[in-house]
């Protein structure tokens, strides 16, 4: 097959460079688009006192914290305790 009809093959280092450039670009884009929402870790938790929070509180009241002989803590529903 003449050289003019051979498919174009890129050198391996060029393929690596293109891939690295692409990955760096997507990494930078992800940091901008999906930036973590970080607040002040020392700020107090804001309670909304809404229906969802009330439902969570009601659900937590159905559990009791137990401690096994090795000191591990776990929750047990009060209505299933022996």
N, C-alpha and C. Protein backbone atom coordinates (compact mmCIF):
# COMPACT_ATOMS: atom_id res chain seq x y z
N UNK A 1 0.84 -1.17 0.00
CA UNK A 1 0.00 0.00 0.00
C UNK A 1 0.89 1.24 0.00
N UNK A 2 0.64 2.18 -0.90
CA UNK A 2 1.45 3.39 -0.93
C UNK A 2 1.25 4.21 0.35
N UNK A 3 2.28 5.01 0.69
CA UNK A 3 2.23 5.84 1.90
C UNK A 3 1.03 6.78 1.91
N UNK A 4 0.61 7.26 0.75
CA UNK A 4 -0.49 8.21 0.69
C UNK A 4 -1.82 7.57 1.07
N UNK A 5 -1.91 6.24 1.01
CA UNK A 5 -3.16 5.57 1.33
C UNK A 5 -3.17 4.96 2.74
N UNK A 6 -2.05 5.02 3.45
CA UNK A 6 -1.99 4.48 4.80
C UNK A 6 -2.76 5.40 5.76
N UNK A 7 -3.47 4.81 6.71
CA UNK A 7 -4.16 5.66 7.68
C UNK A 7 -3.16 6.44 8.51
N UNK A 8 -3.55 7.63 8.89
CA UNK A 8 -2.67 8.50 9.68
C UNK A 8 -2.56 7.95 11.10
N UNK A 9 -1.36 7.73 11.58
CA UNK A 9 -1.13 7.26 12.94
C UNK A 9 -0.35 8.31 13.69
N UNK A 10 -0.87 8.67 14.86
CA UNK A 10 -0.19 9.68 15.67
C UNK A 10 0.81 8.99 16.59
N UNK A 11 1.91 9.65 16.88
CA UNK A 11 2.88 9.08 17.82
C UNK A 11 2.24 8.92 19.20
N UNK A 12 2.69 7.93 19.92
CA UNK A 12 2.12 7.62 21.25
C UNK A 12 2.22 8.81 22.21
N UNK A 13 3.34 9.54 22.19
CA UNK A 13 3.49 10.68 23.11
C UNK A 13 2.49 11.79 22.78
N UNK A 14 2.13 11.94 21.51
CA UNK A 14 1.14 12.94 21.13
C UNK A 14 -0.24 12.55 21.68
N UNK A 15 -0.59 11.27 21.58
CA UNK A 15 -1.86 10.79 22.11
C UNK A 15 -1.93 11.04 23.61
N UNK A 16 -0.82 10.76 24.31
CA UNK A 16 -0.77 10.97 25.75
C UNK A 16 -0.95 12.45 26.09
N UNK A 17 -0.30 13.31 25.33
CA UNK A 17 -0.39 14.76 25.57
C UNK A 17 -1.82 15.26 25.36
N UNK A 18 -2.47 14.79 24.31
CA UNK A 18 -3.84 15.21 24.02
C UNK A 18 -4.77 14.74 25.14
N UNK A 19 -4.61 13.52 25.58
CA UNK A 19 -5.44 12.99 26.65
C UNK A 19 -5.20 13.77 27.96
N UNK A 20 -3.95 14.05 28.26
CA UNK A 20 -3.62 14.80 29.48
C UNK A 20 -4.22 16.20 29.43
N UNK A 21 -4.14 16.85 28.28
CA UNK A 21 -4.73 18.19 28.12
C UNK A 21 -6.24 18.15 28.33
N UNK A 22 -6.88 17.15 27.75
CA UNK A 22 -8.33 16.99 27.89
C UNK A 22 -8.70 16.77 29.36
N UNK A 23 -7.98 15.89 30.05
CA UNK A 23 -8.29 15.58 31.45
C UNK A 23 -8.07 16.81 32.33
N UNK A 24 -7.03 17.57 32.08
CA UNK A 24 -6.80 18.80 32.85
C UNK A 24 -7.92 19.81 32.62
N UNK A 25 -8.37 19.92 31.38
CA UNK A 25 -9.46 20.86 31.08
C UNK A 25 -10.75 20.44 31.77
N UNK A 26 -11.08 19.15 31.75
CA UNK A 26 -12.31 18.70 32.41
C UNK A 26 -12.19 18.83 33.91
N UNK A 27 -11.01 18.64 34.46
CA UNK A 27 -10.81 18.81 35.89
C UNK A 27 -11.05 20.26 36.31
N UNK A 28 -10.50 21.20 35.54
CA UNK A 28 -10.71 22.63 35.84
C UNK A 28 -12.18 23.00 35.71
N UNK A 29 -12.84 22.47 34.68
CA UNK A 29 -14.25 22.77 34.46
C UNK A 29 -15.10 22.22 35.61
N UNK A 30 -14.80 21.04 36.08
CA UNK A 30 -15.55 20.44 37.18
C UNK A 30 -15.40 21.26 38.45
N UNK A 31 -14.22 21.80 38.69
CA UNK A 31 -14.00 22.62 39.89
C UNK A 31 -14.83 23.90 39.86
N UNK A 32 -15.09 24.41 38.68
CA UNK A 32 -15.89 25.63 38.55
C UNK A 32 -17.38 25.31 38.62
N UNK A 33 -17.80 24.29 37.89
CA UNK A 33 -19.22 23.97 37.80
C UNK A 33 -19.73 23.28 39.06
N UNK A 34 -18.96 22.38 39.60
CA UNK A 34 -19.41 21.58 40.74
C UNK A 34 -18.59 21.93 41.98
N UNK A 35 -18.37 23.20 42.21
CA UNK A 35 -17.58 23.62 43.36
C UNK A 35 -18.30 23.25 44.65
N UNK A 36 -17.59 22.72 45.63
CA UNK A 36 -18.23 22.34 46.89
C UNK A 36 -18.77 23.57 47.63
N UNK A 37 -19.88 23.38 48.28
CA UNK A 37 -20.48 24.45 49.07
C UNK A 37 -19.94 24.33 50.49
N UNK A 38 -18.98 25.14 50.78
CA UNK A 38 -18.37 25.08 52.11
C UNK A 38 -18.74 26.32 52.89
N UNK A 39 -19.28 26.09 54.05
CA UNK A 39 -19.59 27.19 54.93
C UNK A 39 -18.60 27.24 56.06
N UNK A 40 -18.89 28.04 57.05
CA UNK A 40 -18.04 28.16 58.22
C UNK A 40 -18.28 26.95 59.12
N UNK A 41 -17.26 26.08 59.29
CA UNK A 41 -17.47 24.87 60.09
C UNK A 41 -17.75 25.17 61.57
N UNK A 42 -17.39 26.35 62.04
CA UNK A 42 -17.65 26.67 63.44
C UNK A 42 -19.01 27.34 63.64
N UNK A 43 -19.73 27.61 62.54
CA UNK A 43 -21.05 28.22 62.65
C UNK A 43 -22.05 27.20 63.20
N UNK A 44 -23.00 27.66 63.97
CA UNK A 44 -23.99 26.72 64.51
C UNK A 44 -24.90 26.19 63.41
N UNK A 45 -25.47 25.02 63.65
CA UNK A 45 -26.39 24.42 62.70
C UNK A 45 -27.68 25.23 62.70
N UNK A 46 -28.18 25.53 61.52
CA UNK A 46 -29.42 26.30 61.41
C UNK A 46 -30.59 25.33 61.34
N UNK A 47 -31.48 25.41 62.30
CA UNK A 47 -32.66 24.56 62.32
C UNK A 47 -33.82 25.32 61.70
N UNK A 48 -34.46 24.70 60.72
CA UNK A 48 -35.54 25.36 60.02
C UNK A 48 -36.88 25.16 60.70
N UNK A 49 -36.98 24.16 61.57
CA UNK A 49 -38.23 23.85 62.26
C UNK A 49 -39.37 23.67 61.27
N UNK A 50 -39.07 22.95 60.19
CA UNK A 50 -40.09 22.70 59.17
C UNK A 50 -40.63 21.28 59.34
N UNK A 51 -41.53 20.88 58.46
CA UNK A 51 -42.16 19.56 58.54
C UNK A 51 -41.14 18.44 58.43
N UNK A 52 -40.14 18.61 57.56
CA UNK A 52 -39.12 17.58 57.38
C UNK A 52 -38.32 17.38 58.67
N UNK A 53 -37.93 18.48 59.30
CA UNK A 53 -37.17 18.37 60.55
C UNK A 53 -38.02 17.74 61.64
N UNK A 54 -39.28 18.08 61.71
CA UNK A 54 -40.17 17.51 62.71
C UNK A 54 -40.33 16.00 62.49
N UNK A 55 -40.47 15.60 61.22
CA UNK A 55 -40.59 14.17 60.90
C UNK A 55 -39.33 13.42 61.30
N UNK A 56 -38.16 14.03 61.09
CA UNK A 56 -36.90 13.40 61.48
C UNK A 56 -36.81 13.24 62.99
N UNK A 57 -37.21 14.26 63.71
CA UNK A 57 -37.21 14.19 65.18
C UNK A 57 -38.15 13.10 65.67
N UNK A 58 -39.33 13.01 65.06
CA UNK A 58 -40.29 11.98 65.45
C UNK A 58 -39.72 10.59 65.20
N UNK A 59 -39.04 10.41 64.07
CA UNK A 59 -38.43 9.12 63.74
C UNK A 59 -37.31 8.77 64.73
N UNK A 60 -36.49 9.74 65.08
CA UNK A 60 -35.39 9.49 66.02
C UNK A 60 -35.90 9.11 67.41
N UNK A 61 -37.05 9.60 67.78
CA UNK A 61 -37.61 9.25 69.09
C UNK A 61 -38.00 7.78 69.18
N UNK A 62 -38.10 7.09 68.06
CA UNK A 62 -38.46 5.67 68.08
C UNK A 62 -37.24 4.78 68.27
N UNK A 63 -36.06 5.35 68.42
CA UNK A 63 -34.83 4.59 68.63
C UNK A 63 -34.28 4.82 70.03
N UNK A 64 -33.58 3.79 70.50
CA UNK A 64 -32.87 3.91 71.76
C UNK A 64 -31.44 3.45 71.52
N UNK A 65 -30.48 4.15 72.09
CA UNK A 65 -29.07 3.80 71.89
C UNK A 65 -28.69 2.73 72.89
N UNK A 66 -28.13 1.65 72.38
CA UNK A 66 -27.66 0.54 73.20
C UNK A 66 -26.15 0.46 73.09
N UNK A 67 -25.51 -0.12 74.09
CA UNK A 67 -24.06 -0.32 74.09
C UNK A 67 -23.79 -1.79 74.37
N UNK A 68 -22.98 -2.43 73.51
CA UNK A 68 -22.69 -3.84 73.72
C UNK A 68 -21.52 -4.00 74.68
N UNK A 69 -21.15 -5.24 74.96
CA UNK A 69 -20.10 -5.53 75.95
C UNK A 69 -18.72 -5.00 75.55
N UNK A 70 -18.54 -4.73 74.26
CA UNK A 70 -17.26 -4.20 73.79
C UNK A 70 -17.26 -2.68 73.69
N UNK A 71 -18.36 -2.05 74.06
CA UNK A 71 -18.43 -0.59 74.04
C UNK A 71 -18.92 0.01 72.74
N UNK A 72 -19.39 -0.83 71.80
CA UNK A 72 -19.93 -0.31 70.54
C UNK A 72 -21.36 0.18 70.75
N UNK A 73 -21.67 1.30 70.17
CA UNK A 73 -23.01 1.88 70.28
C UNK A 73 -23.81 1.57 69.03
N UNK A 74 -25.09 1.31 69.19
CA UNK A 74 -25.96 1.08 68.06
C UNK A 74 -27.38 1.45 68.46
N UNK A 75 -28.21 1.67 67.46
CA UNK A 75 -29.59 2.08 67.71
C UNK A 75 -30.52 0.89 67.53
N UNK A 76 -31.51 0.83 68.41
CA UNK A 76 -32.52 -0.22 68.36
C UNK A 76 -33.87 0.47 68.42
N UNK A 77 -34.79 0.05 67.54
CA UNK A 77 -36.15 0.61 67.61
C UNK A 77 -36.78 0.20 68.93
N UNK A 78 -37.42 1.14 69.57
CA UNK A 78 -38.02 0.87 70.87
C UNK A 78 -39.13 -0.17 70.77
N UNK A 79 -39.88 -0.18 69.66
CA UNK A 79 -40.99 -1.12 69.53
C UNK A 79 -40.55 -2.55 69.22
N UNK A 80 -39.27 -2.79 68.92
CA UNK A 80 -38.79 -4.15 68.64
C UNK A 80 -37.88 -4.66 69.75
N UNK A 81 -37.70 -3.88 70.80
CA UNK A 81 -36.86 -4.33 71.91
C UNK A 81 -37.56 -5.45 72.66
N UNK A 82 -36.80 -6.46 73.09
CA UNK A 82 -37.41 -7.57 73.87
C UNK A 82 -37.84 -7.11 75.26
